[in-house]
PDBML (XML) file of the C-alpha atoms, coordinates in Angstrom:
<?xml version="1.0" encoding="UTF-8" ?>
<PDBx:datablock datablockName="MODEL"
   xmlns:PDBx="http://pdbml.pdb.org/schema/pdbx-v50.xsd"
   xmlns:xsi="http://www.w3.org/2001/XMLSchema-instance"
   xsi:schemaLocation="http://pdbml.pdb.org/schema/pdbx-v50.xsd pdbx-v50.xsd">
   <PDBx:atom_siteCategory>
      <PDBx:atom_site id="1">
         <PDBx:B_iso_or_equiv>0.00</PDBx:B_iso_or_equiv>
         <PDBx:Cartn_x>110.461</PDBx:Cartn_x>
         <PDBx:Cartn_y>25.780</PDBx:Cartn_y>
         <PDBx:Cartn_z>19.253</PDBx:Cartn_z>
         <PDBx:auth_asym_id>A</PDBx:auth_asym_id>
         <PDBx:auth_atom_id>CA</PDBx:auth_atom_id>
         <PDBx:auth_comp_id>SER</PDBx:auth_comp_id>
         <PDBx:auth_seq_id>1</PDBx:auth_seq_id>
         <PDBx:group_PDB>ATOM</PDBx:group_PDB>
         <PDBx:label_alt_id xsi:nil="true" />
         <PDBx:label_asym_id>A</PDBx:label_asym_id>
         <PDBx:label_atom_id>CA</PDBx:label_atom_id>
         <PDBx:label_comp_id>SER</PDBx:label_comp_id>
         <PDBx:label_entity_id>1</PDBx:label_entity_id>
         <PDBx:label_seq_id>1</PDBx:label_seq_id>
         <PDBx:occupancy>1.00</PDBx:occupancy>
         <PDBx:pdbx_PDB_model_num>1</PDBx:pdbx_PDB_model_num>
         <PDBx:type_symbol>C</PDBx:type_symbol>
      </PDBx:atom_site>
      <PDBx:atom_site id="2">
         <PDBx:B_iso_or_equiv>0.00</PDBx:B_iso_or_equiv>
         <PDBx:Cartn_x>107.083</PDBx:Cartn_x>
         <PDBx:Cartn_y>25.569</PDBx:Cartn_y>
         <PDBx:Cartn_z>17.338</PDBx:Cartn_z>
         <PDBx:auth_asym_id>A</PDBx:auth_asym_id>
         <PDBx:auth_atom_id>CA</PDBx:auth_atom_id>
         <PDBx:auth_comp_id>LYS</PDBx:auth_comp_id>
         <PDBx:auth_seq_id>2</PDBx:auth_seq_id>
         <PDBx:group_PDB>ATOM</PDBx:group_PDB>
         <PDBx:label_alt_id xsi:nil="true" />
         <PDBx:label_asym_id>A</PDBx:label_asym_id>
         <PDBx:label_atom_id>CA</PDBx:label_atom_id>
         <PDBx:label_comp_id>LYS</PDBx:label_comp_id>
         <PDBx:label_entity_id>1</PDBx:label_entity_id>
         <PDBx:label_seq_id>2</PDBx:label_seq_id>
         <PDBx:occupancy>1.00</PDBx:occupancy>
         <PDBx:pdbx_PDB_model_num>1</PDBx:pdbx_PDB_model_num>
         <PDBx:type_symbol>C</PDBx:type_symbol>
      </PDBx:atom_site>
      <PDBx:atom_site id="3">
         <PDBx:B_iso_or_equiv>0.00</PDBx:B_iso_or_equiv>
         <PDBx:Cartn_x>106.879</PDBx:Cartn_x>
         <PDBx:Cartn_y>21.867</PDBx:Cartn_y>
         <PDBx:Cartn_z>18.408</PDBx:Cartn_z>
         <PDBx:auth_asym_id>A</PDBx:auth_asym_id>
         <PDBx:auth_atom_id>CA</PDBx:auth_atom_id>
         <PDBx:auth_comp_id>SER</PDBx:auth_comp_id>
         <PDBx:auth_seq_id>3</PDBx:auth_seq_id>
         <PDBx:group_PDB>ATOM</PDBx:group_PDB>
         <PDBx:label_alt_id xsi:nil="true" />
         <PDBx:label_asym_id>A</PDBx:label_asym_id>
         <PDBx:label_atom_id>CA</PDBx:label_atom_id>
         <PDBx:label_comp_id>SER</PDBx:label_comp_id>
         <PDBx:label_entity_id>1</PDBx:label_entity_id>
         <PDBx:label_seq_id>3</PDBx:label_seq_id>
         <PDBx:occupancy>1.00</PDBx:occupancy>
         <PDBx:pdbx_PDB_model_num>1</PDBx:pdbx_PDB_model_num>
         <PDBx:type_symbol>C</PDBx:type_symbol>
      </PDBx:atom_site>
      <PDBx:atom_site id="4">
         <PDBx:B_iso_or_equiv>0.00</PDBx:B_iso_or_equiv>
         <PDBx:Cartn_x>106.556</PDBx:Cartn_x>
         <PDBx:Cartn_y>22.687</PDBx:Cartn_y>
         <PDBx:Cartn_z>22.086</PDBx:Cartn_z>
         <PDBx:auth_asym_id>A</PDBx:auth_asym_id>
         <PDBx:auth_atom_id>CA</PDBx:auth_atom_id>
         <PDBx:auth_comp_id>GLU</PDBx:auth_comp_id>
         <PDBx:auth_seq_id>4</PDBx:auth_seq_id>
         <PDBx:group_PDB>ATOM</PDBx:group_PDB>
         <PDBx:label_alt_id xsi:nil="true" />
         <PDBx:label_asym_id>A</PDBx:label_asym_id>
         <PDBx:label_atom_id>CA</PDBx:label_atom_id>
         <PDBx:label_comp_id>GLU</PDBx:label_comp_id>
         <PDBx:label_entity_id>1</PDBx:label_entity_id>
         <PDBx:label_seq_id>4</PDBx:label_seq_id>
         <PDBx:occupancy>1.00</PDBx:occupancy>
         <PDBx:pdbx_PDB_model_num>1</PDBx:pdbx_PDB_model_num>
         <PDBx:type_symbol>C</PDBx:type_symbol>
      </PDBx:atom_site>
      <PDBx:atom_site id="5">
         <PDBx:B_iso_or_equiv>0.00</PDBx:B_iso_or_equiv>
         <PDBx:Cartn_x>103.150</PDBx:Cartn_x>
         <PDBx:Cartn_y>24.593</PDBx:Cartn_y>
         <PDBx:Cartn_z>21.451</PDBx:Cartn_z>
         <PDBx:auth_asym_id>A</PDBx:auth_asym_id>
         <PDBx:auth_atom_id>CA</PDBx:auth_atom_id>
         <PDBx:auth_comp_id>TYR</PDBx:auth_comp_id>
         <PDBx:auth_seq_id>5</PDBx:auth_seq_id>
         <PDBx:group_PDB>ATOM</PDBx:group_PDB>
         <PDBx:label_alt_id xsi:nil="true" />
         <PDBx:label_asym_id>A</PDBx:label_asym_id>
         <PDBx:label_atom_id>CA</PDBx:label_atom_id>
         <PDBx:label_comp_id>TYR</PDBx:label_comp_id>
         <PDBx:label_entity_id>1</PDBx:label_entity_id>
         <PDBx:label_seq_id>5</PDBx:label_seq_id>
         <PDBx:occupancy>1.00</PDBx:occupancy>
         <PDBx:pdbx_PDB_model_num>1</PDBx:pdbx_PDB_model_num>
         <PDBx:type_symbol>C</PDBx:type_symbol>
      </PDBx:atom_site>
      <PDBx:atom_site id="6">
         <PDBx:B_iso_or_equiv>0.00</PDBx:B_iso_or_equiv>
         <PDBx:Cartn_x>100.887</PDBx:Cartn_x>
         <PDBx:Cartn_y>21.649</PDBx:Cartn_y>
         <PDBx:Cartn_z>22.051</PDBx:Cartn_z>
         <PDBx:auth_asym_id>A</PDBx:auth_asym_id>
         <PDBx:auth_atom_id>CA</PDBx:auth_atom_id>
         <PDBx:auth_comp_id>VAL</PDBx:auth_comp_id>
         <PDBx:auth_seq_id>6</PDBx:auth_seq_id>
         <PDBx:group_PDB>ATOM</PDBx:group_PDB>
         <PDBx:label_alt_id xsi:nil="true" />
         <PDBx:label_asym_id>A</PDBx:label_asym_id>
         <PDBx:label_atom_id>CA</PDBx:label_atom_id>
         <PDBx:label_comp_id>VAL</PDBx:label_comp_id>
         <PDBx:label_entity_id>1</PDBx:label_entity_id>
         <PDBx:label_seq_id>6</PDBx:label_seq_id>
         <PDBx:occupancy>1.00</PDBx:occupancy>
         <PDBx:pdbx_PDB_model_num>1</PDBx:pdbx_PDB_model_num>
         <PDBx:type_symbol>C</PDBx:type_symbol>
      </PDBx:atom_site>
      <PDBx:atom_site id="7">
         <PDBx:B_iso_or_equiv>0.00</PDBx:B_iso_or_equiv>
         <PDBx:Cartn_x>97.423</PDBx:Cartn_x>
         <PDBx:Cartn_y>22.726</PDBx:Cartn_y>
         <PDBx:Cartn_z>21.765</PDBx:Cartn_z>
         <PDBx:auth_asym_id>A</PDBx:auth_asym_id>
         <PDBx:auth_atom_id>CA</PDBx:auth_atom_id>
         <PDBx:auth_comp_id>SER</PDBx:auth_comp_id>
         <PDBx:auth_seq_id>7</PDBx:auth_seq_id>
         <PDBx:group_PDB>ATOM</PDBx:group_PDB>
         <PDBx:label_alt_id xsi:nil="true" />
         <PDBx:label_asym_id>A</PDBx:label_asym_id>
         <PDBx:label_atom_id>CA</PDBx:label_atom_id>
         <PDBx:label_comp_id>SER</PDBx:label_comp_id>
         <PDBx:label_entity_id>1</PDBx:label_entity_id>
         <PDBx:label_seq_id>7</PDBx:label_seq_id>
         <PDBx:occupancy>1.00</PDBx:occupancy>
         <PDBx:pdbx_PDB_model_num>1</PDBx:pdbx_PDB_model_num>
         <PDBx:type_symbol>C</PDBx:type_symbol>
      </PDBx:atom_site>
      <PDBx:atom_site id="8">
         <PDBx:B_iso_or_equiv>0.00</PDBx:B_iso_or_equiv>
         <PDBx:Cartn_x>95.494</PDBx:Cartn_x>
         <PDBx:Cartn_y>25.917</PDBx:Cartn_y>
         <PDBx:Cartn_z>22.199</PDBx:Cartn_z>
         <PDBx:auth_asym_id>A</PDBx:auth_asym_id>
         <PDBx:auth_atom_id>CA</PDBx:auth_atom_id>
         <PDBx:auth_comp_id>SER</PDBx:auth_comp_id>
         <PDBx:auth_seq_id>8</PDBx:auth_seq_id>
         <PDBx:group_PDB>ATOM</PDBx:group_PDB>
         <PDBx:label_alt_id xsi:nil="true" />
         <PDBx:label_asym_id>A</PDBx:label_asym_id>
         <PDBx:label_atom_id>CA</PDBx:label_atom_id>
         <PDBx:label_comp_id>SER</PDBx:label_comp_id>
         <PDBx:label_entity_id>1</PDBx:label_entity_id>
         <PDBx:label_seq_id>8</PDBx:label_seq_id>
         <PDBx:occupancy>1.00</PDBx:occupancy>
         <PDBx:pdbx_PDB_model_num>1</PDBx:pdbx_PDB_model_num>
         <PDBx:type_symbol>C</PDBx:type_symbol>
      </PDBx:atom_site>
      <PDBx:atom_site id="9">
         <PDBx:B_iso_or_equiv>0.00</PDBx:B_iso_or_equiv>
         <PDBx:Cartn_x>91.991</PDBx:Cartn_x>
         <PDBx:Cartn_y>26.571</PDBx:Cartn_y>
         <PDBx:Cartn_z>22.797</PDBx:Cartn_z>
         <PDBx:auth_asym_id>A</PDBx:auth_asym_id>
         <PDBx:auth_atom_id>CA</PDBx:auth_atom_id>
         <PDBx:auth_comp_id>LYS</PDBx:auth_comp_id>
         <PDBx:auth_seq_id>9</PDBx:auth_seq_id>
         <PDBx:group_PDB>ATOM</PDBx:group_PDB>
         <PDBx:label_alt_id xsi:nil="true" />
         <PDBx:label_asym_id>A</PDBx:label_asym_id>
         <PDBx:label_atom_id>CA</PDBx:label_atom_id>
         <PDBx:label_comp_id>LYS</PDBx:label_comp_id>
         <PDBx:label_entity_id>1</PDBx:label_entity_id>
         <PDBx:label_seq_id>9</PDBx:label_seq_id>
         <PDBx:occupancy>1.00</PDBx:occupancy>
         <PDBx:pdbx_PDB_model_num>1</PDBx:pdbx_PDB_model_num>
         <PDBx:type_symbol>C</PDBx:type_symbol>
      </PDBx:atom_site>
      <PDBx:atom_site id="10">
         <PDBx:B_iso_or_equiv>0.00</PDBx:B_iso_or_equiv>
         <PDBx:Cartn_x>89.741</PDBx:Cartn_x>
         <PDBx:Cartn_y>29.395</PDBx:Cartn_y>
         <PDBx:Cartn_z>23.381</PDBx:Cartn_z>
         <PDBx:auth_asym_id>A</PDBx:auth_asym_id>
         <PDBx:auth_atom_id>CA</PDBx:auth_atom_id>
         <PDBx:auth_comp_id>ARG</PDBx:auth_comp_id>
         <PDBx:auth_seq_id>10</PDBx:auth_seq_id>
         <PDBx:group_PDB>ATOM</PDBx:group_PDB>
         <PDBx:label_alt_id xsi:nil="true" />
         <PDBx:label_asym_id>A</PDBx:label_asym_id>
         <PDBx:label_atom_id>CA</PDBx:label_atom_id>
         <PDBx:label_comp_id>ARG</PDBx:label_comp_id>
         <PDBx:label_entity_id>1</PDBx:label_entity_id>
         <PDBx:label_seq_id>10</PDBx:label_seq_id>
         <PDBx:occupancy>1.00</PDBx:occupancy>
         <PDBx:pdbx_PDB_model_num>1</PDBx:pdbx_PDB_model_num>
         <PDBx:type_symbol>C</PDBx:type_symbol>
      </PDBx:atom_site>
      <PDBx:atom_site id="11">
         <PDBx:B_iso_or_equiv>0.00</PDBx:B_iso_or_equiv>
         <PDBx:Cartn_x>87.437</PDBx:Cartn_x>
         <PDBx:Cartn_y>29.683</PDBx:Cartn_y>
         <PDBx:Cartn_z>26.586</PDBx:Cartn_z>
         <PDBx:auth_asym_id>A</PDBx:auth_asym_id>
         <PDBx:auth_atom_id>CA</PDBx:auth_atom_id>
         <PDBx:auth_comp_id>LEU</PDBx:auth_comp_id>
         <PDBx:auth_seq_id>11</PDBx:auth_seq_id>
         <PDBx:group_PDB>ATOM</PDBx:group_PDB>
         <PDBx:label_alt_id xsi:nil="true" />
         <PDBx:label_asym_id>A</PDBx:label_asym_id>
         <PDBx:label_atom_id>CA</PDBx:label_atom_id>
         <PDBx:label_comp_id>LEU</PDBx:label_comp_id>
         <PDBx:label_entity_id>1</PDBx:label_entity_id>
         <PDBx:label_seq_id>11</PDBx:label_seq_id>
         <PDBx:occupancy>1.00</PDBx:occupancy>
         <PDBx:pdbx_PDB_model_num>1</PDBx:pdbx_PDB_model_num>
         <PDBx:type_symbol>C</PDBx:type_symbol>
      </PDBx:atom_site>
      <PDBx:atom_site id="12">
         <PDBx:B_iso_or_equiv>0.00</PDBx:B_iso_or_equiv>
         <PDBx:Cartn_x>83.847</PDBx:Cartn_x>
         <PDBx:Cartn_y>30.501</PDBx:Cartn_y>
         <PDBx:Cartn_z>25.944</PDBx:Cartn_z>
         <PDBx:auth_asym_id>A</PDBx:auth_asym_id>
         <PDBx:auth_atom_id>CA</PDBx:auth_atom_id>
         <PDBx:auth_comp_id>THR</PDBx:auth_comp_id>
         <PDBx:auth_seq_id>12</PDBx:auth_seq_id>
         <PDBx:group_PDB>ATOM</PDBx:group_PDB>
         <PDBx:label_alt_id xsi:nil="true" />
         <PDBx:label_asym_id>A</PDBx:label_asym_id>
         <PDBx:label_atom_id>CA</PDBx:label_atom_id>
         <PDBx:label_comp_id>THR</PDBx:label_comp_id>
         <PDBx:label_entity_id>1</PDBx:label_entity_id>
         <PDBx:label_seq_id>12</PDBx:label_seq_id>
         <PDBx:occupancy>1.00</PDBx:occupancy>
         <PDBx:pdbx_PDB_model_num>1</PDBx:pdbx_PDB_model_num>
         <PDBx:type_symbol>C</PDBx:type_symbol>
      </PDBx:atom_site>
      <PDBx:atom_site id="13">
         <PDBx:B_iso_or_equiv>0.00</PDBx:B_iso_or_equiv>
         <PDBx:Cartn_x>82.011</PDBx:Cartn_x>
         <PDBx:Cartn_y>33.175</PDBx:Cartn_y>
         <PDBx:Cartn_z>28.071</PDBx:Cartn_z>
         <PDBx:auth_asym_id>A</PDBx:auth_asym_id>
         <PDBx:auth_atom_id>CA</PDBx:auth_atom_id>
         <PDBx:auth_comp_id>GLY</PDBx:auth_comp_id>
         <PDBx:auth_seq_id>13</PDBx:auth_seq_id>
         <PDBx:group_PDB>ATOM</PDBx:group_PDB>
         <PDBx:label_alt_id xsi:nil="true" />
         <PDBx:label_asym_id>A</PDBx:label_asym_id>
         <PDBx:label_atom_id>CA</PDBx:label_atom_id>
         <PDBx:label_comp_id>GLY</PDBx:label_comp_id>
         <PDBx:label_entity_id>1</PDBx:label_entity_id>
         <PDBx:label_seq_id>13</PDBx:label_seq_id>
         <PDBx:occupancy>1.00</PDBx:occupancy>
         <PDBx:pdbx_PDB_model_num>1</PDBx:pdbx_PDB_model_num>
         <PDBx:type_symbol>C</PDBx:type_symbol>
      </PDBx:atom_site>
      <PDBx:atom_site id="14">
         <PDBx:B_iso_or_equiv>0.00</PDBx:B_iso_or_equiv>
         <PDBx:Cartn_x>80.031</PDBx:Cartn_x>
         <PDBx:Cartn_y>36.341</PDBx:Cartn_y>
         <PDBx:Cartn_z>27.789</PDBx:Cartn_z>
         <PDBx:auth_asym_id>A</PDBx:auth_asym_id>
         <PDBx:auth_atom_id>CA</PDBx:auth_atom_id>
         <PDBx:auth_comp_id>PRO</PDBx:auth_comp_id>
         <PDBx:auth_seq_id>14</PDBx:auth_seq_id>
         <PDBx:group_PDB>ATOM</PDBx:group_PDB>
         <PDBx:label_alt_id xsi:nil="true" />
         <PDBx:label_asym_id>A</PDBx:label_asym_id>
         <PDBx:label_atom_id>CA</PDBx:label_atom_id>
         <PDBx:label_comp_id>PRO</PDBx:label_comp_id>
         <PDBx:label_entity_id>1</PDBx:label_entity_id>
         <PDBx:label_seq_id>14</PDBx:label_seq_id>
         <PDBx:occupancy>1.00</PDBx:occupancy>
         <PDBx:pdbx_PDB_model_num>1</PDBx:pdbx_PDB_model_num>
         <PDBx:type_symbol>C</PDBx:type_symbol>
      </PDBx:atom_site>
      <PDBx:atom_site id="15">
         <PDBx:B_iso_or_equiv>0.00</PDBx:B_iso_or_equiv>
         <PDBx:Cartn_x>82.996</PDBx:Cartn_x>
         <PDBx:Cartn_y>38.304</PDBx:Cartn_y>
         <PDBx:Cartn_z>26.797</PDBx:Cartn_z>
         <PDBx:auth_asym_id>A</PDBx:auth_asym_id>
         <PDBx:auth_atom_id>CA</PDBx:auth_atom_id>
         <PDBx:auth_comp_id>LYS</PDBx:auth_comp_id>
         <PDBx:auth_seq_id>15</PDBx:auth_seq_id>
         <PDBx:group_PDB>ATOM</PDBx:group_PDB>
         <PDBx:label_alt_id xsi:nil="true" />
         <PDBx:label_asym_id>A</PDBx:label_asym_id>
         <PDBx:label_atom_id>CA</PDBx:label_atom_id>
         <PDBx:label_comp_id>LYS</PDBx:label_comp_id>
         <PDBx:label_entity_id>1</PDBx:label_entity_id>
         <PDBx:label_seq_id>15</PDBx:label_seq_id>
         <PDBx:occupancy>1.00</PDBx:occupancy>
         <PDBx:pdbx_PDB_model_num>1</PDBx:pdbx_PDB_model_num>
         <PDBx:type_symbol>C</PDBx:type_symbol>
      </PDBx:atom_site>
      <PDBx:atom_site id="16">
         <PDBx:B_iso_or_equiv>0.00</PDBx:B_iso_or_equiv>
         <PDBx:Cartn_x>85.453</PDBx:Cartn_x>
         <PDBx:Cartn_y>37.312</PDBx:Cartn_y>
         <PDBx:Cartn_z>24.086</PDBx:Cartn_z>
         <PDBx:auth_asym_id>A</PDBx:auth_asym_id>
         <PDBx:auth_atom_id>CA</PDBx:auth_atom_id>
         <PDBx:auth_comp_id>PRO</PDBx:auth_comp_id>
         <PDBx:auth_seq_id>16</PDBx:auth_seq_id>
         <PDBx:group_PDB>ATOM</PDBx:group_PDB>
         <PDBx:label_alt_id xsi:nil="true" />
         <PDBx:label_asym_id>A</PDBx:label_asym_id>
         <PDBx:label_atom_id>CA</PDBx:label_atom_id>
         <PDBx:label_comp_id>PRO</PDBx:label_comp_id>
         <PDBx:label_entity_id>1</PDBx:label_entity_id>
         <PDBx:label_seq_id>16</PDBx:label_seq_id>
         <PDBx:occupancy>1.00</PDBx:occupancy>
         <PDBx:pdbx_PDB_model_num>1</PDBx:pdbx_PDB_model_num>
         <PDBx:type_symbol>C</PDBx:type_symbol>
      </PDBx:atom_site>
      <PDBx:atom_site id="17">
         <PDBx:B_iso_or_equiv>0.00</PDBx:B_iso_or_equiv>
         <PDBx:Cartn_x>88.423</PDBx:Cartn_x>
         <PDBx:Cartn_y>35.376</PDBx:Cartn_y>
         <PDBx:Cartn_z>25.794</PDBx:Cartn_z>
         <PDBx:auth_asym_id>A</PDBx:auth_asym_id>
         <PDBx:auth_atom_id>CA</PDBx:auth_atom_id>
         <PDBx:auth_comp_id>LEU</PDBx:auth_comp_id>
         <PDBx:auth_seq_id>17</PDBx:auth_seq_id>
         <PDBx:group_PDB>ATOM</PDBx:group_PDB>
         <PDBx:label_alt_id xsi:nil="true" />
         <PDBx:label_asym_id>A</PDBx:label_asym_id>
         <PDBx:label_atom_id>CA</PDBx:label_atom_id>
         <PDBx:label_comp_id>LEU</PDBx:label_comp_id>
         <PDBx:label_entity_id>1</PDBx:label_entity_id>
         <PDBx:label_seq_id>17</PDBx:label_seq_id>
         <PDBx:occupancy>1.00</PDBx:occupancy>
         <PDBx:pdbx_PDB_model_num>1</PDBx:pdbx_PDB_model_num>
         <PDBx:type_symbol>C</PDBx:type_symbol>
      </PDBx:atom_site>
      <PDBx:atom_site id="18">
         <PDBx:B_iso_or_equiv>0.00</PDBx:B_iso_or_equiv>
         <PDBx:Cartn_x>92.142</PDBx:Cartn_x>
         <PDBx:Cartn_y>35.606</PDBx:Cartn_y>
         <PDBx:Cartn_z>24.391</PDBx:Cartn_z>
         <PDBx:auth_asym_id>A</PDBx:auth_asym_id>
         <PDBx:auth_atom_id>CA</PDBx:auth_atom_id>
         <PDBx:auth_comp_id>PRO</PDBx:auth_comp_id>
         <PDBx:auth_seq_id>18</PDBx:auth_seq_id>
         <PDBx:group_PDB>ATOM</PDBx:group_PDB>
         <PDBx:label_alt_id xsi:nil="true" />
         <PDBx:label_asym_id>A</PDBx:label_asym_id>
         <PDBx:label_atom_id>CA</PDBx:label_atom_id>
         <PDBx:label_comp_id>PRO</PDBx:label_comp_id>
         <PDBx:label_entity_id>1</PDBx:label_entity_id>
         <PDBx:label_seq_id>18</PDBx:label_seq_id>
         <PDBx:occupancy>1.00</PDBx:occupancy>
         <PDBx:pdbx_PDB_model_num>1</PDBx:pdbx_PDB_model_num>
         <PDBx:type_symbol>C</PDBx:type_symbol>
      </PDBx:atom_site>
      <PDBx:atom_site id="19">
         <PDBx:B_iso_or_equiv>0.00</PDBx:B_iso_or_equiv>
         <PDBx:Cartn_x>93.821</PDBx:Cartn_x>
         <PDBx:Cartn_y>32.803</PDBx:Cartn_y>
         <PDBx:Cartn_z>22.782</PDBx:Cartn_z>
         <PDBx:auth_asym_id>A</PDBx:auth_asym_id>
         <PDBx:auth_atom_id>CA</PDBx:auth_atom_id>
         <PDBx:auth_comp_id>LEU</PDBx:auth_comp_id>
         <PDBx:auth_seq_id>19</PDBx:auth_seq_id>
         <PDBx:group_PDB>ATOM</PDBx:group_PDB>
         <PDBx:label_alt_id xsi:nil="true" />
         <PDBx:label_asym_id>A</PDBx:label_asym_id>
         <PDBx:label_atom_id>CA</PDBx:label_atom_id>
         <PDBx:label_comp_id>LEU</PDBx:label_comp_id>
         <PDBx:label_entity_id>1</PDBx:label_entity_id>
         <PDBx:label_seq_id>19</PDBx:label_seq_id>
         <PDBx:occupancy>1.00</PDBx:occupancy>
         <PDBx:pdbx_PDB_model_num>1</PDBx:pdbx_PDB_model_num>
         <PDBx:type_symbol>C</PDBx:type_symbol>
      </PDBx:atom_site>
      <PDBx:atom_site id="20">
         <PDBx:B_iso_or_equiv>0.00</PDBx:B_iso_or_equiv>
         <PDBx:Cartn_x>95.432</PDBx:Cartn_x>
         <PDBx:Cartn_y>30.303</PDBx:Cartn_y>
         <PDBx:Cartn_z>25.358</PDBx:Cartn_z>
         <PDBx:auth_asym_id>A</PDBx:auth_asym_id>
         <PDBx:auth_atom_id>CA</PDBx:auth_atom_id>
         <PDBx:auth_comp_id>ILE</PDBx:auth_comp_id>
         <PDBx:auth_seq_id>20</PDBx:auth_seq_id>
         <PDBx:group_PDB>ATOM</PDBx:group_PDB>
         <PDBx:label_alt_id xsi:nil="true" />
         <PDBx:label_asym_id>A</PDBx:label_asym_id>
         <PDBx:label_atom_id>CA</PDBx:label_atom_id>
         <PDBx:label_comp_id>ILE</PDBx:label_comp_id>
         <PDBx:label_entity_id>1</PDBx:label_entity_id>
         <PDBx:label_seq_id>20</PDBx:label_seq_id>
         <PDBx:occupancy>1.00</PDBx:occupancy>
         <PDBx:pdbx_PDB_model_num>1</PDBx:pdbx_PDB_model_num>
         <PDBx:type_symbol>C</PDBx:type_symbol>
      </PDBx:atom_site>
      <PDBx:atom_site id="21">
         <PDBx:B_iso_or_equiv>0.00</PDBx:B_iso_or_equiv>
         <PDBx:Cartn_x>98.415</PDBx:Cartn_x>
         <PDBx:Cartn_y>28.314</PDBx:Cartn_y>
         <PDBx:Cartn_z>24.317</PDBx:Cartn_z>
         <PDBx:auth_asym_id>A</PDBx:auth_asym_id>
         <PDBx:auth_atom_id>CA</PDBx:auth_atom_id>
         <PDBx:auth_comp_id>ARG</PDBx:auth_comp_id>
         <PDBx:auth_seq_id>21</PDBx:auth_seq_id>
         <PDBx:group_PDB>ATOM</PDBx:group_PDB>
         <PDBx:label_alt_id xsi:nil="true" />
         <PDBx:label_asym_id>A</PDBx:label_asym_id>
         <PDBx:label_atom_id>CA</PDBx:label_atom_id>
         <PDBx:label_comp_id>ARG</PDBx:label_comp_id>
         <PDBx:label_entity_id>1</PDBx:label_entity_id>
         <PDBx:label_seq_id>21</PDBx:label_seq_id>
         <PDBx:occupancy>1.00</PDBx:occupancy>
         <PDBx:pdbx_PDB_model_num>1</PDBx:pdbx_PDB_model_num>
         <PDBx:type_symbol>C</PDBx:type_symbol>
      </PDBx:atom_site>
      <PDBx:atom_site id="22">
         <PDBx:B_iso_or_equiv>0.00</PDBx:B_iso_or_equiv>
         <PDBx:Cartn_x>99.354</PDBx:Cartn_x>
         <PDBx:Cartn_y>25.324</PDBx:Cartn_y>
         <PDBx:Cartn_z>26.388</PDBx:Cartn_z>
         <PDBx:auth_asym_id>A</PDBx:auth_asym_id>
         <PDBx:auth_atom_id>CA</PDBx:auth_atom_id>
         <PDBx:auth_comp_id>VAL</PDBx:auth_comp_id>
         <PDBx:auth_seq_id>22</PDBx:auth_seq_id>
         <PDBx:group_PDB>ATOM</PDBx:group_PDB>
         <PDBx:label_alt_id xsi:nil="true" />
         <PDBx:label_asym_id>A</PDBx:label_asym_id>
         <PDBx:label_atom_id>CA</PDBx:label_atom_id>
         <PDBx:label_comp_id>VAL</PDBx:label_comp_id>
         <PDBx:label_entity_id>1</PDBx:label_entity_id>
         <PDBx:label_seq_id>22</PDBx:label_seq_id>
         <PDBx:occupancy>1.00</PDBx:occupancy>
         <PDBx:pdbx_PDB_model_num>1</PDBx:pdbx_PDB_model_num>
         <PDBx:type_symbol>C</PDBx:type_symbol>
      </PDBx:atom_site>
      <PDBx:atom_site id="23">
         <PDBx:B_iso_or_equiv>0.00</PDBx:B_iso_or_equiv>
         <PDBx:Cartn_x>103.077</PDBx:Cartn_x>
         <PDBx:Cartn_y>24.721</PDBx:Cartn_y>
         <PDBx:Cartn_z>26.438</PDBx:Cartn_z>
         <PDBx:auth_asym_id>A</PDBx:auth_asym_id>
         <PDBx:auth_atom_id>CA</PDBx:auth_atom_id>
         <PDBx:auth_comp_id>VAL</PDBx:auth_comp_id>
         <PDBx:auth_seq_id>23</PDBx:auth_seq_id>
         <PDBx:group_PDB>ATOM</PDBx:group_PDB>
         <PDBx:label_alt_id xsi:nil="true" />
         <PDBx:label_asym_id>A</PDBx:label_asym_id>
         <PDBx:label_atom_id>CA</PDBx:label_atom_id>
         <PDBx:label_comp_id>VAL</PDBx:label_comp_id>
         <PDBx:label_entity_id>1</PDBx:label_entity_id>
         <PDBx:label_seq_id>23</PDBx:label_seq_id>
         <PDBx:occupancy>1.00</PDBx:occupancy>
         <PDBx:pdbx_PDB_model_num>1</PDBx:pdbx_PDB_model_num>
         <PDBx:type_symbol>C</PDBx:type_symbol>
      </PDBx:atom_site>
      <PDBx:atom_site id="24">
         <PDBx:B_iso_or_equiv>0.00</PDBx:B_iso_or_equiv>
         <PDBx:Cartn_x>104.791</PDBx:Cartn_x>
         <PDBx:Cartn_y>21.560</PDBx:Cartn_y>
         <PDBx:Cartn_z>27.153</PDBx:Cartn_z>
         <PDBx:auth_asym_id>A</PDBx:auth_asym_id>
         <PDBx:auth_atom_id>CA</PDBx:auth_atom_id>
         <PDBx:auth_comp_id>GLU</PDBx:auth_comp_id>
         <PDBx:auth_seq_id>24</PDBx:auth_seq_id>
         <PDBx:group_PDB>ATOM</PDBx:group_PDB>
         <PDBx:label_alt_id xsi:nil="true" />
         <PDBx:label_asym_id>A</PDBx:label_asym_id>
         <PDBx:label_atom_id>CA</PDBx:label_atom_id>
         <PDBx:label_comp_id>GLU</PDBx:label_comp_id>
         <PDBx:label_entity_id>1</PDBx:label_entity_id>
         <PDBx:label_seq_id>24</PDBx:label_seq_id>
         <PDBx:occupancy>1.00</PDBx:occupancy>
         <PDBx:pdbx_PDB_model_num>1</PDBx:pdbx_PDB_model_num>
         <PDBx:type_symbol>C</PDBx:type_symbol>
      </PDBx:atom_site>
   </PDBx:atom_siteCategory>
</PDBx:datablock>
């Protein structure tokens, strides 16, 4: 469910990084 998606963050770097989802 959508409630399992706790947070998402983007890593910084010289290239654009994909969106990372942390799942509980």
